[in-house]
């Protein structure tokens, strides 16, 4: 973790920065979503069987991820330490097919009620 001190008129502000080995931000105690890398096998996909992914879109994403990396993180809901993915199906499959161990996620915390709402 690095500390950065900004000197401003009559004020000193400390900003703490954290990053994983690949440069992704680590979660903090602040409210709101955080961007972080999660292992694919730690993300539950309860609606994955509802439709097939477009194979051409997955292939195009694989090519793009190979060349420039994932540009838009998938949305993940964290409830009681368990991660649930409801969107980003093509990006998730592209990571699986590329045998990448992790995926960049925008993680927001939710309650069991929020999870039930997503499962309807």
PDB file of N, CA and C in Angstrom:
ATOM      1  N   UNK A   1       0.843  -1.163   0.000  1.00  0.00           N
ATOM      2  CA  UNK A   1       0.000   0.000   0.000  1.00  0.00           C
ATOM      3  C   UNK A   1       0.890   1.229   0.000  1.00  0.00           C
ATOM      4  N   UNK A   2       0.534   2.204  -0.787  1.00  0.00           N
ATOM      5  CA  UNK A   2       1.293   3.444  -0.880  1.00  0.00           C
ATOM      6  C   UNK A   2       0.481   4.573  -0.278  1.00  0.00           C
ATOM      7  N   UNK A   3       1.138   5.546   0.262  1.00  0.00           N
ATOM      8  CA  UNK A   3       0.474   6.738   0.783  1.00  0.00           C
ATOM      9  C   UNK A   3       0.924   7.933  -0.024  1.00  0.00           C
ATOM     10  N   UNK A   4       0.005   8.790  -0.292  1.00  0.00           N
ATOM     11  CA  UNK A   4       0.279   9.979  -1.079  1.00  0.00           C
ATOM     12  C   UNK A   4      -0.210  11.168  -0.282  1.00  0.00           C
ATOM     13  N   UNK A   5       0.621  12.130  -0.053  1.00  0.00           N
ATOM     14  CA  UNK A   5       0.240  13.322   0.670  1.00  0.00           C
ATOM     15  C   UNK A   5       0.112  14.481  -0.298  1.00  0.00           C
ATOM     16  N   UNK A   6      -1.046  15.119  -0.275  1.00  0.00           N
ATOM     17  CA  UNK A   6      -1.274  16.284  -1.109  1.00  0.00           C
ATOM     18  C   UNK A   6      -1.249  17.516  -0.224  1.00  0.00           C
ATOM     19  N   UNK A   7      -0.397  18.450  -0.526  1.00  0.00           N
ATOM     20  CA  UNK A   7      -0.326  19.673   0.249  1.00  0.00           C
ATOM     21  C   UNK A   7      -1.223  20.710  -0.400  1.00  0.00           C
ATOM     22  N   UNK A   8      -2.234  21.112   0.332  1.00  0.00           N
ATOM     23  CA  UNK A   8      -3.175  22.104  -0.153  1.00  0.00           C
ATOM     24  C   UNK A   8      -3.198  23.239   0.862  1.00  0.00           C
ATOM     25  N   UNK A   9      -3.661  24.380   0.486  1.00  0.00           N
ATOM     26  CA  UNK A   9      -3.683  25.503   1.434  1.00  0.00           C
ATOM     27  C   UNK A   9      -4.367  25.109   2.736  1.00  0.00           C
ATOM     28  N   UNK A  10      -3.612  25.166   3.822  1.00  0.00           N
ATOM     29  CA  UNK A  10      -4.109  24.907   5.178  1.00  0.00           C
ATOM     30  C   UNK A  10      -4.627  23.484   5.381  1.00  0.00           C
ATOM     31  N   UNK A  11      -4.371  22.589   4.462  1.00  0.00           N
ATOM     32  CA  UNK A  11      -4.890  21.229   4.584  1.00  0.00           C
ATOM     33  C   UNK A  11      -3.872  20.236   4.041  1.00  0.00           C
ATOM     34  N   UNK A  12      -3.743  19.115   4.722  1.00  0.00           N
ATOM     35  CA  UNK A  12      -2.971  17.989   4.209  1.00  0.00           C
ATOM     36  C   UNK A  12      -3.939  16.825   4.111  1.00  0.00           C
ATOM     37  N   UNK A  13      -4.006  16.227   2.959  1.00  0.00           N
ATOM     38  CA  UNK A  13      -4.902  15.089   2.755  1.00  0.00           C
ATOM     39  C   UNK A  13      -4.071  13.864   2.455  1.00  0.00           C
ATOM     40  N   UNK A  14      -4.407  12.779   3.090  1.00  0.00           N
ATOM     41  CA  UNK A  14      -3.718  11.517   2.840  1.00  0.00           C
ATOM     42  C   UNK A  14      -4.647  10.627   2.023  1.00  0.00           C
ATOM     43  N   UNK A  15      -4.114  10.092   0.934  1.00  0.00           N
ATOM     44  CA  UNK A  15      -4.855   9.180   0.085  1.00  0.00           C
ATOM     45  C   UNK A  15      -4.093   7.870   0.063  1.00  0.00           C
ATOM     46  N   UNK A  16      -4.744   6.784   0.428  1.00  0.00           N
ATOM     47  CA  UNK A  16      -4.112   5.467   0.403  1.00  0.00           C
ATOM     48  C   UNK A  16      -4.471   4.774  -0.890  1.00  0.00           C
ATOM     49  N   UNK A  17      -3.463   4.207  -1.533  1.00  0.00           N
ATOM     50  CA  UNK A  17      -3.660   3.492  -2.783  1.00  0.00           C
ATOM     51  C   UNK A  17      -3.218   2.057  -2.611  1.00  0.00           C
ATOM     52  N   UNK A  18      -4.005   1.147  -3.160  1.00  0.00           N
ATOM     53  CA  UNK A  18      -3.654  -0.269  -3.137  1.00  0.00           C
ATOM     54  C   UNK A  18      -3.840  -0.817  -4.533  1.00  0.00           C
ATOM     55  N   UNK A  19      -3.031  -1.807  -4.861  1.00  0.00           N
ATOM     56  CA  UNK A  19      -3.191  -2.447  -6.169  1.00  0.00           C
ATOM     57  C   UNK A  19      -2.737  -3.884  -6.079  1.00  0.00           C
ATOM     58  N   UNK A  20      -3.357  -4.722  -6.902  1.00  0.00           N
ATOM     59  CA  UNK A  20      -2.925  -6.109  -6.982  1.00  0.00           C
ATOM     60  C   UNK A  20      -1.697  -6.172  -7.875  1.00  0.00           C
ATOM     61  N   UNK A  21      -1.150  -7.352  -8.031  1.00  0.00           N
ATOM     62  CA  UNK A  21       0.054  -7.502  -8.842  1.00  0.00           C
ATOM     63  C   UNK A  21      -0.175  -7.139 -10.301  1.00  0.00           C
ATOM     64  N   UNK A  22      -1.437  -7.190 -10.756  1.00  0.00           N
ATOM     65  CA  UNK A  22      -1.702  -6.831 -12.143  1.00  0.00           C
ATOM     66  C   UNK A  22      -2.243  -5.421 -12.285  1.00  0.00           C
ATOM     67  N   UNK A  23      -2.207  -4.640 -11.207  1.00  0.00           N
ATOM     68  CA  UNK A  23      -2.592  -3.242 -11.278  1.00  0.00           C
ATOM     69  C   UNK A  23      -4.045  -2.959 -10.949  1.00  0.00           C
ATOM     70  N   UNK A  24      -4.848  -3.977 -10.693  1.00  0.00           N
ATOM     71  CA  UNK A  24      -6.253  -3.740 -10.369  1.00  0.00           C
ATOM     72  C   UNK A  24      -6.374  -3.243  -8.937  1.00  0.00           C
ATOM     73  N   UNK A  25      -7.331  -2.378  -8.714  1.00  0.00           N
ATOM     74  CA  UNK A  25      -7.552  -1.856  -7.367  1.00  0.00           C
ATOM     75  C   UNK A  25      -8.059  -2.951  -6.448  1.00  0.00           C
ATOM     76  N   UNK A  26      -7.678  -2.869  -5.201  1.00  0.00           N
ATOM     77  CA  UNK A  26      -8.169  -3.810  -4.204  1.00  0.00           C
ATOM     78  C   UNK A  26      -9.351  -3.184  -3.481  1.00  0.00           C
ATOM     79  N   UNK A  27     -10.239  -4.009  -2.929  1.00  0.00           N
ATOM     80  CA  UNK A  27     -11.404  -3.461  -2.265  1.00  0.00           C
ATOM     81  C   UNK A  27     -11.012  -2.661  -1.031  1.00  0.00           C
ATOM     82  N   UNK A  28     -11.784  -1.638  -0.748  1.00  0.00           N
ATOM     83  CA  UNK A  28     -11.549  -0.842   0.454  1.00  0.00           C
ATOM     84  C   UNK A  28     -12.798  -0.900   1.304  1.00  0.00           C
ATOM     85  N   UNK A  29     -12.780  -0.207   2.404  1.00  0.00           N
ATOM     86  CA  UNK A  29     -13.903  -0.203   3.310  1.00  0.00           C
ATOM     87  C   UNK A  29     -14.977   0.795   2.883  1.00  0.00           C
ATOM     88  N   UNK A  30     -14.756   1.538   1.817  1.00  0.00           N
ATOM     89  CA  UNK A  30     -15.686   2.572   1.417  1.00  0.00           C
ATOM     90  C   UNK A  30     -16.948   1.961   0.816  1.00  0.00           C
ATOM     91  N   UNK A  31     -18.022   2.750   0.832  1.00  0.00           N
ATOM     92  CA  UNK A  31     -19.287   2.308   0.262  1.00  0.00           C
ATOM     93  C   UNK A  31     -19.229   2.424  -1.250  1.00  0.00           C
ATOM     94  N   UNK A  32     -20.117   1.724  -1.915  1.00  0.00           N
ATOM     95  CA  UNK A  32     -20.167   1.780  -3.370  1.00  0.00           C
ATOM     96  C   UNK A  32     -19.367   0.660  -3.982  1.00  0.00           C
ATOM     97  N   UNK A  33     -19.518   0.496  -5.296  1.00  0.00           N
ATOM     98  CA  UNK A  33     -18.819  -0.591  -5.972  1.00  0.00           C
ATOM     99  C   UNK A  33     -17.311  -0.371  -6.013  1.00  0.00           C
ATOM    100  N   UNK A  34     -16.575  -1.474  -6.051  1.00  0.00           N
ATOM    101  CA  UNK A  34     -15.121  -1.429  -6.176  1.00  0.00           C
ATOM    102  C   UNK A  34     -14.721  -2.307  -7.357  1.00  0.00           C
ATOM    103  N   UNK A  35     -13.639  -1.944  -8.013  1.00  0.00           N
ATOM    104  CA  UNK A  35     -13.106  -2.730  -9.121  1.00  0.00           C
ATOM    105  C   UNK A  35     -12.019  -3.641  -8.560  1.00  0.00           C
ATOM    106  N   UNK A  36     -12.148  -4.938  -8.834  1.00  0.00           N
ATOM    107  CA  UNK A  36     -11.154  -5.889  -8.342  1.00  0.00           C
ATOM    108  C   UNK A  36     -11.112  -7.109  -9.243  1.00  0.00           C
ATOM    109  N   UNK A  37      -9.993  -7.813  -9.194  1.00  0.00           N
ATOM    110  CA  UNK A  37      -9.828  -9.072  -9.919  1.00  0.00           C
ATOM    111  C   UNK A  37     -10.349 -10.197  -9.027  1.00  0.00           C
ATOM    112  N   UNK A  38     -11.200 -11.047  -9.590  1.00  0.00           N
ATOM    113  CA  UNK A  38     -11.703 -12.210  -8.858  1.00  0.00           C
ATOM    114  C   UNK A  38     -11.382 -13.476  -9.636  1.00  0.00           C
ATOM    115  N   UNK A  39     -11.059 -14.557  -8.921  1.00  0.00           N
ATOM    116  CA  UNK A  39     -10.891 -15.839  -9.606  1.00  0.00           C
ATOM    117  C   UNK A  39     -12.219 -16.256 -10.244  1.00  0.00           C
ATOM    118  N   UNK A  40     -12.160 -16.762 -11.459  1.00  0.00           N
ATOM    119  CA  UNK A  40     -13.386 -17.189 -12.143  1.00  0.00           C
ATOM    120  C   UNK A  40     -14.152 -18.218 -11.325  1.00  0.00           C
ATOM    121  N   UNK A  41     -13.423 -19.109 -10.668  1.00  0.00           N
ATOM    122  CA  UNK A  41     -14.105 -20.175  -9.926  1.00  0.00           C
ATOM    123  C   UNK A  41     -14.742 -19.702  -8.624  1.00  0.00           C
ATOM    124  N   UNK A  42     -14.575 -18.440  -8.271  1.00  0.00           N
ATOM    125  CA  UNK A  42     -15.207 -17.887  -7.066  1.00  0.00           C
ATOM    126  C   UNK A  42     -16.488 -17.120  -7.392  1.00  0.00           C
ATOM    127  N   UNK A  43     -16.820 -17.033  -8.685  1.00  0.00           N
ATOM    128  CA  UNK A  43     -18.015 -16.297  -9.102  1.00  0.00           C
ATOM    129  C   UNK A  43     -19.099 -17.300  -9.474  1.00  0.00           C
ATOM    130  N   UNK A  44     -20.185 -17.271  -8.733  1.00  0.00           N
ATOM    131  CA  UNK A  44     -21.316 -18.145  -9.043  1.00  0.00           C
ATOM    132  C   UNK A  44     -22.145 -17.502 -10.147  1.00  0.00           C
ATOM    133  N   UNK A  45     -22.578 -18.317 -11.099  1.00  0.00           N
ATOM    134  CA  UNK A  45     -23.359 -17.836 -12.246  1.00  0.00           C
ATOM    135  C   UNK A  45     -24.723 -18.535 -12.225  1.00  0.00           C
ATOM    136  N   UNK A  46     -25.644 -18.103 -11.349  1.00  0.00           N
ATOM    137  CA  UNK A  46     -26.906 -18.834 -11.181  1.00  0.00           C
ATOM    138  C   UNK A  46     -27.815 -18.832 -12.401  1.00  0.00           C
ATOM    139  N   UNK A  47     -27.664 -17.890 -13.330  1.00  0.00           N
ATOM    140  CA  UNK A  47     -28.535 -17.823 -14.499  1.00  0.00           C
ATOM    141  C   UNK A  47     -27.824 -18.244 -15.778  1.00  0.00           C
ATOM    142  N   UNK A  48     -26.684 -18.879 -15.650  1.00  0.00           N
ATOM    143  CA  UNK A  48     -25.858 -19.187 -16.812  1.00  0.00           C
ATOM    144  C   UNK A  48     -26.564 -20.095 -17.821  1.00  0.00           C
ATOM    145  N   UNK A  49     -27.454 -20.910 -17.399  1.00  0.00           N
ATOM    146  CA  UNK A  49     -28.096 -21.874 -18.293  1.00  0.00           C
ATOM    147  C   UNK A  49     -29.346 -21.310 -18.986  1.00  0.00           C
ATOM    148  N   UNK A  50     -29.645 -20.031 -18.805  1.00  0.00           N
ATOM    149  CA  UNK A  50     -30.880 -19.485 -19.366  1.00  0.00           C
ATOM    150  C   UNK A  50     -30.798 -19.262 -20.870  1.00  0.00           C
ATOM    151  N   UNK A  51     -29.601 -19.070 -21.412  1.00  0.00           N
ATOM    152  CA  UNK A  51     -29.455 -18.881 -22.857  1.00  0.00           C
ATOM    153  C   UNK A  51     -28.028 -19.199 -23.259  1.00  0.00           C
ATOM    154  N   UNK A  52     -27.863 -19.476 -24.541  1.00  0.00           N
ATOM    155  CA  UNK A  52     -26.533 -19.735 -25.084  1.00  0.00           C
ATOM    156  C   UNK A  52     -25.872 -18.411 -25.458  1.00  0.00           C
ATOM    157  N   UNK A  53     -24.572 -18.329 -25.257  1.00  0.00           N
ATOM    158  CA  UNK A  53     -23.824 -17.160 -25.702  1.00  0.00           C
ATOM    159  C   UNK A  53     -23.608 -17.224 -27.207  1.00  0.00           C
ATOM    160  N   UNK A  54     -23.493 -16.060 -27.823  1.00  0.00           N
ATOM    161  CA  UNK A  54     -23.211 -15.954 -29.252  1.00  0.00           C
ATOM    162  C   UNK A  54     -21.739 -16.326 -29.463  1.00  0.00           C
ATOM    163  N   UNK A  55     -21.455 -17.445 -30.143  1.00  0.00           N
ATOM    164  CA  UNK A  55     -20.066 -17.902 -30.304  1.00  0.00           C
ATOM    165  C   UNK A  55     -19.174 -16.876 -31.017  1.00  0.00           C
ATOM    166  N   UNK A  56     -19.732 -16.156 -31.979  1.00  0.00           N
ATOM    167  CA  UNK A  56     -18.939 -15.149 -32.702  1.00  0.00           C
ATOM    168  C   UNK A  56     -18.544 -14.007 -31.769  1.00  0.00           C
ATOM    169  N   UNK A  57     -19.474 -13.588 -30.920  1.00  0.00           N
ATOM    170  CA  UNK A  57     -19.176 -12.511 -29.961  1.00  0.00           C
ATOM    171  C   UNK A  57     -18.106 -12.960 -28.970  1.00  0.00           C
ATOM    172  N   UNK A  58     -18.203 -14.202 -28.509  1.00  0.00           N
ATOM    173  CA  UNK A  58     -17.194 -14.731 -27.580  1.00  0.00           C
ATOM    174  C   UNK A  58     -15.826 -14.754 -28.254  1.00  0.00           C
ATOM    175  N   UNK A  59     -15.771 -15.201 -29.513  1.00  0.00           N
ATOM    176  CA  UNK A  59     -14.497 -15.247 -30.238  1.00  0.00           C
ATOM    177  C   UNK A  59     -13.910 -13.851 -30.396  1.00  0.00           C
ATOM    178  N   UNK A  60     -14.748 -12.879 -30.771  1.00  0.00           N
ATOM    179  CA  UNK A  60     -14.274 -11.497 -30.920  1.00  0.00           C
ATOM    180  C   UNK A  60     -13.749 -10.951 -29.593  1.00  0.00           C
ATOM    181  N   UNK A  61     -14.447 -11.255 -28.510  1.00  0.00           N
ATOM    182  CA  UNK A  61     -13.981 -10.820 -27.187  1.00  0.00           C
ATOM    183  C   UNK A  61     -12.664 -11.492 -26.823  1.00  0.00           C
ATOM    184  N   UNK A  62     -12.522 -12.767 -27.150  1.00  0.00           N
ATOM    185  CA  UNK A  62     -11.269 -13.463 -26.872  1.00  0.00           C
ATOM    186  C   UNK A  62     -10.112 -12.783 -27.591  1.00  0.00           C
ATOM    187  N   UNK A  63     -10.321 -12.451 -28.867  1.00  0.00           N
ATOM    188  CA  UNK A  63      -9.276 -11.762 -29.627  1.00  0.00           C
ATOM    189  C   UNK A  63      -8.932 -10.416 -28.995  1.00  0.00           C
ATOM    190  N   UNK A  64      -9.956  -9.669 -28.600  1.00  0.00           N
ATOM    191  CA  UNK A  64      -9.754  -8.351 -28.002  1.00  0.00           C
ATOM    192  C   UNK A  64      -9.046  -8.455 -26.648  1.00  0.00           C
ATOM    193  N   UNK A  65      -9.494  -9.395 -25.821  1.00  0.00           N
ATOM    194  CA  UNK A  65      -8.890  -9.570 -24.493  1.00  0.00           C
ATOM    195  C   UNK A  65      -7.436  -9.992 -24.629  1.00  0.00           C
ATOM    196  N   UNK A  66      -7.149 -10.868 -25.591  1.00  0.00           N
ATOM    197  CA  UNK A  66      -5.779 -11.297 -25.843  1.00  0.00           C
ATOM    198  C   UNK A  66      -4.905 -10.098 -26.239  1.00  0.00           C
ATOM    199  N   UNK A  67      -5.461  -9.214 -27.047  1.00  0.00           N
ATOM    200  CA  UNK A  67      -4.693  -8.089 -27.582  1.00  0.00           C
ATOM    201  C   UNK A  67      -4.582  -6.911 -26.614  1.00  0.00           C
ATOM    202  N   UNK A  68      -5.707  -6.488 -26.030  1.00  0.00           N
ATOM    203  CA  UNK A  68      -5.688  -5.265 -25.202  1.00  0.00           C
ATOM    204  C   UNK A  68      -6.229  -5.464 -23.788  1.00  0.00           C
ATOM    205  N   UNK A  69      -6.631  -6.671 -23.442  1.00  0.00           N
ATOM    206  CA  UNK A  69      -7.167  -6.921 -22.109  1.00  0.00           C
ATOM    207  C   UNK A  69      -8.643  -6.567 -22.030  1.00  0.00           C
ATOM    208  N   UNK A  70      -9.251  -6.928 -20.926  1.00  0.00           N
ATOM    209  CA  UNK A  70     -10.667  -6.644 -20.710  1.00  0.00           C
ATOM    210  C   UNK A  70     -10.845  -5.150 -20.472  1.00  0.00           C
ATOM    211  N   UNK A  71     -11.698  -4.516 -21.243  1.00  0.00           N
ATOM    212  CA  UNK A  71     -11.888  -3.071 -21.142  1.00  0.00           C
ATOM    213  C   UNK A  71     -13.014  -2.685 -20.191  1.00  0.00           C
ATOM    214  N   UNK A  72     -14.035  -3.533 -20.068  1.00  0.00           N
ATOM    215  CA  UNK A  72     -15.180  -3.229 -19.207  1.00  0.00           C
ATOM    216  C   UNK A  72     -15.348  -4.372 -18.217  1.00  0.00           C
ATOM    217  N   UNK A  73     -15.214  -4.092 -16.917  1.00  0.00           N
ATOM    218  CA  UNK A  73     -15.364  -5.170 -15.928  1.00  0.00           C
ATOM    219  C   UNK A  73     -16.795  -5.701 -15.901  1.00  0.00           C
ATOM    220  N   UNK A  74     -16.941  -6.957 -15.487  1.00  0.00           N
ATOM    221  CA  UNK A  74     -18.281  -7.519 -15.325  1.00  0.00           C
ATOM    222  C   UNK A  74     -18.840  -7.060 -13.984  1.00  0.00           C
ATOM    223  N   UNK A  75     -20.158  -6.983 -13.887  1.00  0.00           N
ATOM    224  CA  UNK A  75     -20.813  -6.607 -12.637  1.00  0.00           C
ATOM    225  C   UNK A  75     -21.004  -7.855 -11.781  1.00  0.00           C
ATOM    226  N   UNK A  76     -20.621  -7.740 -10.515  1.00  0.00           N
ATOM    227  CA  UNK A  76     -20.726  -8.862  -9.582  1.00  0.00           C
ATOM    228  C   UNK A  76     -21.365  -8.359  -8.295  1.00  0.00           C
ATOM    229  N   UNK A  77     -22.255  -9.167  -7.751  1.00  0.00           N
ATOM    230  CA  UNK A  77     -22.903  -8.872  -6.481  1.00  0.00           C
ATOM    231  C   UNK A  77     -22.258  -9.736  -5.406  1.00  0.00           C
ATOM    232  N   UNK A  78     -21.820  -9.121  -4.308  1.00  0.00           N
ATOM    233  CA  UNK A  78     -21.232  -9.877  -3.192  1.00  0.00           C
ATOM    234  C   UNK A  78     -22.234  -9.892  -2.043  1.00  0.00           C
ATOM    235  N   UNK A  79     -22.632 -11.095  -1.638  1.00  0.00           N
ATOM    236  CA  UNK A  79     -23.567 -11.273  -0.532  1.00  0.00           C
ATOM    237  C   UNK A  79     -22.936 -12.237   0.463  1.00  0.00           C
ATOM    238  N   UNK A  80     -22.668 -11.762   1.656  1.00  0.00           N
ATOM    239  CA  UNK A  80     -22.082 -12.595   2.717  1.00  0.00           C
ATOM    240  C   UNK A  80     -20.818 -13.315   2.262  1.00  0.00           C
ATOM    241  N   UNK A  81     -19.960 -12.620   1.514  1.00  0.00           N
ATOM    242  CA  UNK A  81     -18.677 -13.182   1.092  1.00  0.00           C
ATOM    243  C   UNK A  81     -18.741 -14.083  -0.124  1.00  0.00           C
ATOM    244  N   UNK A  82     -19.915 -14.224  -0.722  1.00  0.00           N
ATOM    245  CA  UNK A  82     -20.083 -15.048  -1.921  1.00  0.00           C
ATOM    246  C   UNK A  82     -20.357 -14.113  -3.094  1.00  0.00           C
ATOM    247  N   UNK A  83     -19.699 -14.368  -4.237  1.00  0.00           N
ATOM    248  CA  UNK A  83     -19.823 -13.503  -5.401  1.00  0.00           C
ATOM    249  C   UNK A  83     -20.755 -14.129  -6.436  1.00  0.00           C
ATOM    250  N   UNK A  84     -21.689 -13.303  -6.941  1.00  0.00           N
ATOM    251  CA  UNK A  84     -22.673 -13.750  -7.928  1.00  0.00           C
ATOM    252  C   UNK A  84     -22.570 -12.865  -9.164  1.00  0.00           C
ATOM    253  N   UNK A  85     -22.463 -13.494 -10.339  1.00  0.00           N
ATOM    254  CA  UNK A  85     -22.422 -12.758 -11.600  1.00  0.00           C
ATOM    255  C   UNK A  85     -23.704 -12.968 -12.368  1.00  0.00           C
ATOM    256  N   UNK A  86     -24.331 -11.865 -12.790  1.00  0.00           N
ATOM    257  CA  UNK A  86     -25.583 -11.937 -13.537  1.00  0.00           C
ATOM    258  C   UNK A  86     -25.463 -11.325 -14.931  1.00  0.00           C
ATOM    259  N   UNK A  87     -24.381 -10.654 -15.201  1.00  0.00           N
ATOM    260  CA  UNK A  87     -24.170 -10.052 -16.521  1.00  0.00           C
ATOM    261  C   UNK A  87     -22.750 -10.369 -16.961  1.00  0.00           C
ATOM    262  N   UNK A  88     -22.382  -9.918 -18.153  1.00  0.00           N
ATOM    263  CA  UNK A  88     -21.025 -10.175 -18.640  1.00  0.00           C
ATOM    264  C   UNK A  88     -20.799 -11.609 -19.051  1.00  0.00           C
ATOM    265  N   UNK A  89     -21.858 -12.278 -19.495  1.00  0.00           N
ATOM    266  CA  UNK A  89     -21.760 -13.706 -19.842  1.00  0.00           C
ATOM    267  C   UNK A  89     -20.726 -13.975 -20.932  1.00  0.00           C
ATOM    268  N   UNK A  90     -20.704 -13.140 -21.961  1.00  0.00           N
ATOM    269  CA  UNK A  90     -19.754 -13.333 -23.064  1.00  0.00           C
ATOM    270  C   UNK A  90     -18.324 -13.080 -22.594  1.00  0.00           C
ATOM    271  N   UNK A  91     -18.133 -12.038 -21.783  1.00  0.00           N
ATOM    272  CA  UNK A  91     -16.794 -11.729 -21.271  1.00  0.00           C
ATOM    273  C   UNK A  91     -16.310 -12.845 -20.348  1.00  0.00           C
ATOM    274  N   UNK A  92     -17.213 -13.358 -19.517  1.00  0.00           N
ATOM    275  CA  UNK A  92     -16.884 -14.451 -18.599  1.00  0.00           C
ATOM    276  C   UNK A  92     -16.469 -15.697 -19.393  1.00  0.00           C
ATOM    277  N   UNK A  93     -17.264 -16.060 -20.401  1.00  0.00           N
ATOM    278  CA  UNK A  93     -16.934 -17.245 -21.209  1.00  0.00           C
ATOM    279  C   UNK A  93     -15.620 -17.054 -21.962  1.00  0.00           C
ATOM    280  N   UNK A  94     -15.386 -15.833 -22.468  1.00  0.00           N
ATOM    281  CA  UNK A  94     -14.122 -15.565 -23.167  1.00  0.00           C
ATOM    282  C   UNK A  94     -12.938 -15.798 -22.235  1.00  0.00           C
ATOM    283  N   UNK A  95     -13.053 -15.353 -20.984  1.00  0.00           N
ATOM    284  CA  UNK A  95     -11.973 -15.587 -20.017  1.00  0.00           C
ATOM    285  C   UNK A  95     -11.794 -17.080 -19.755  1.00  0.00           C
ATOM    286  N   UNK A  96     -12.903 -17.803 -19.620  1.00  0.00           N
ATOM    287  CA  UNK A  96     -12.817 -19.250 -19.417  1.00  0.00           C
ATOM    288  C   UNK A  96     -12.095 -19.918 -20.578  1.00  0.00           C
ATOM    289  N   UNK A  97     -12.499 -19.594 -21.804  1.00  0.00           N
ATOM    290  CA  UNK A  97     -11.923 -20.239 -22.983  1.00  0.00           C
ATOM    291  C   UNK A  97     -10.461 -19.868 -23.190  1.00  0.00           C
ATOM    292  N   UNK A  98     -10.058 -18.691 -22.674  1.00  0.00           N
ATOM    293  CA  UNK A  98      -8.648 -18.291 -22.733  1.00  0.00           C
ATOM    294  C   UNK A  98      -7.838 -18.863 -21.564  1.00  0.00           C
ATOM    295  N   UNK A  99      -8.503 -19.606 -20.681  1.00  0.00           N
ATOM    296  CA  UNK A  99      -7.883 -20.198 -19.482  1.00  0.00           C
ATOM    297  C   UNK A  99      -7.260 -19.131 -18.581  1.00  0.00           C
ATOM    298  N   UNK A 100      -7.908 -17.976 -18.505  1.00  0.00           N
ATOM    299  CA  UNK A 100      -7.448 -16.924 -17.599  1.00  0.00           C
ATOM    300  C   UNK A 100      -7.993 -17.222 -16.205  1.00  0.00           C
ATOM    301  N   UNK A 101      -7.165 -17.113 -15.184  1.00  0.00           N
ATOM    302  CA  UNK A 101      -7.619 -17.488 -13.842  1.00  0.00           C
ATOM    303  C   UNK A 101      -8.529 -16.459 -13.179  1.00  0.00           C
ATOM    304  N   UNK A 102      -8.417 -15.186 -13.582  1.00  0.00           N
ATOM    305  CA  UNK A 102      -9.197 -14.135 -12.936  1.00  0.00           C
ATOM    306  C   UNK A 102      -9.877 -13.260 -13.982  1.00  0.00           C
ATOM    307  N   UNK A 103     -10.839 -12.464 -13.505  1.00  0.00           N
ATOM    308  CA  UNK A 103     -11.524 -11.503 -14.358  1.00  0.00           C
ATOM    309  C   UNK A 103     -11.751 -10.223 -13.558  1.00  0.00           C
ATOM    310  N   UNK A 104     -11.634  -9.085 -14.227  1.00  0.00           N
ATOM    311  CA  UNK A 104     -11.851  -7.795 -13.579  1.00  0.00           C
ATOM    312  C   UNK A 104     -13.354  -7.608 -13.371  1.00  0.00           C
ATOM    313  N   UNK A 105     -13.731  -7.250 -12.151  1.00  0.00           N
ATOM    314  CA  UNK A 105     -15.138  -7.134 -11.781  1.00  0.00           C
ATOM    315  C   UNK A 105     -15.415  -5.801 -11.102  1.00  0.00           C
ATOM    316  N   UNK A 106     -16.635  -5.307 -11.315  1.00  0.00           N
ATOM    317  CA  UNK A 106     -17.134  -4.188 -10.524  1.00  0.00           C
ATOM    318  C   UNK A 106     -18.030  -4.831  -9.471  1.00  0.00           C
ATOM    319  N   UNK A 107     -17.551  -4.854  -8.240  1.00  0.00           N
ATOM    320  CA  UNK A 107     -18.226  -5.580  -7.164  1.00  0.00           C
ATOM    321  C   UNK A 107     -19.010  -4.596  -6.298  1.00  0.00           C
ATOM    322  N   UNK A 108     -20.270  -4.918  -6.098  1.00  0.00           N
ATOM    323  CA  UNK A 108     -21.057  -4.147  -5.146  1.00  0.00           C
ATOM    324  C   UNK A 108     -21.625  -5.105  -4.117  1.00  0.00           C
ATOM    325  N   UNK A 109     -21.741  -4.605  -2.909  1.00  0.00           N
ATOM    326  CA  UNK A 109     -22.281  -5.425  -1.821  1.00  0.00           C
ATOM    327  C   UNK A 109     -23.792  -5.377  -1.851  1.00  0.00           C
ATOM    328  N   UNK A 110     -24.395  -6.492  -1.492  1.00  0.00           N
ATOM    329  CA  UNK A 110     -25.851  -6.555  -1.446  1.00  0.00           C
ATOM    330  C   UNK A 110     -26.318  -7.442  -0.310  1.00  0.00           C
ATOM    331  N   UNK A 111     -27.609  -7.442  -0.128  1.00  0.00           N
ATOM    332  CA  UNK A 111     -28.228  -8.273   0.909  1.00  0.00           C
ATOM    333  C   UNK A 111     -28.818  -9.525   0.267  1.00  0.00           C
ATOM    334  N   UNK A 112     -29.273 -10.436   1.094  1.00  0.00           N
ATOM    335  CA  UNK A 112     -29.936 -11.629   0.564  1.00  0.00           C
ATOM    336  C   UNK A 112     -31.201 -11.247  -0.193  1.00  0.00           C
ATOM    337  N   UNK A 113     -31.842 -10.178   0.231  1.00  0.00           N
ATOM    338  CA  UNK A 113     -33.028  -9.696  -0.473  1.00  0.00           C
ATOM    339  C   UNK A 113     -32.665  -9.218  -1.882  1.00  0.00           C
ATOM    340  N   UNK A 114     -31.549  -8.513  -2.006  1.00  0.00           N
ATOM    341  CA  UNK A 114     -31.075  -8.078  -3.323  1.00  0.00           C
ATOM    342  C   UNK A 114     -30.807  -9.292  -4.210  1.00  0.00           C
ATOM    343  N   UNK A 115     -30.189 -10.308  -3.637  1.00  0.00           N
ATOM    344  CA  UNK A 115     -29.897 -11.534  -4.395  1.00  0.00           C
ATOM    345  C   UNK A 115     -31.206 -12.193  -4.853  1.00  0.00           C
ATOM    346  N   UNK A 116     -32.181 -12.285  -3.967  1.00  0.00           N
ATOM    347  CA  UNK A 116     -33.473 -12.875  -4.343  1.00  0.00           C
ATOM    348  C   UNK A 116     -34.110 -12.100  -5.496  1.00  0.00           C
ATOM    349  N   UNK A 117     -33.983 -10.787  -5.471  1.00  0.00           N
ATOM    350  CA  UNK A 117     -34.528  -9.944  -6.550  1.00  0.00           C
ATOM    351  C   UNK A 117     -33.880 -10.296  -7.888  1.00  0.00           C
ATOM    352  N   UNK A 118     -32.560 -10.507  -7.897  1.00  0.00           N
ATOM    353  CA  UNK A 118     -31.857 -10.853  -9.137  1.00  0.00           C
ATOM    354  C   UNK A 118     -32.217 -12.248  -9.637  1.00  0.00           C
ATOM    355  N   UNK A 119     -32.615 -13.123  -8.733  1.00  0.00           N
ATOM    356  CA  UNK A 119     -32.925 -14.497  -9.122  1.00  0.00           C
ATOM    357  C   UNK A 119     -34.345 -14.665  -9.647  1.00  0.00           C
ATOM    358  N   UNK A 120     -35.177 -13.642  -9.540  1.00  0.00           N
ATOM    359  CA  UNK A 120     -36.568 -13.743 -10.027  1.00  0.00           C
ATOM    360  C   UNK A 120     -36.634 -13.807 -11.524  1.00  0.00           C
TER     361      UNK A 120
END
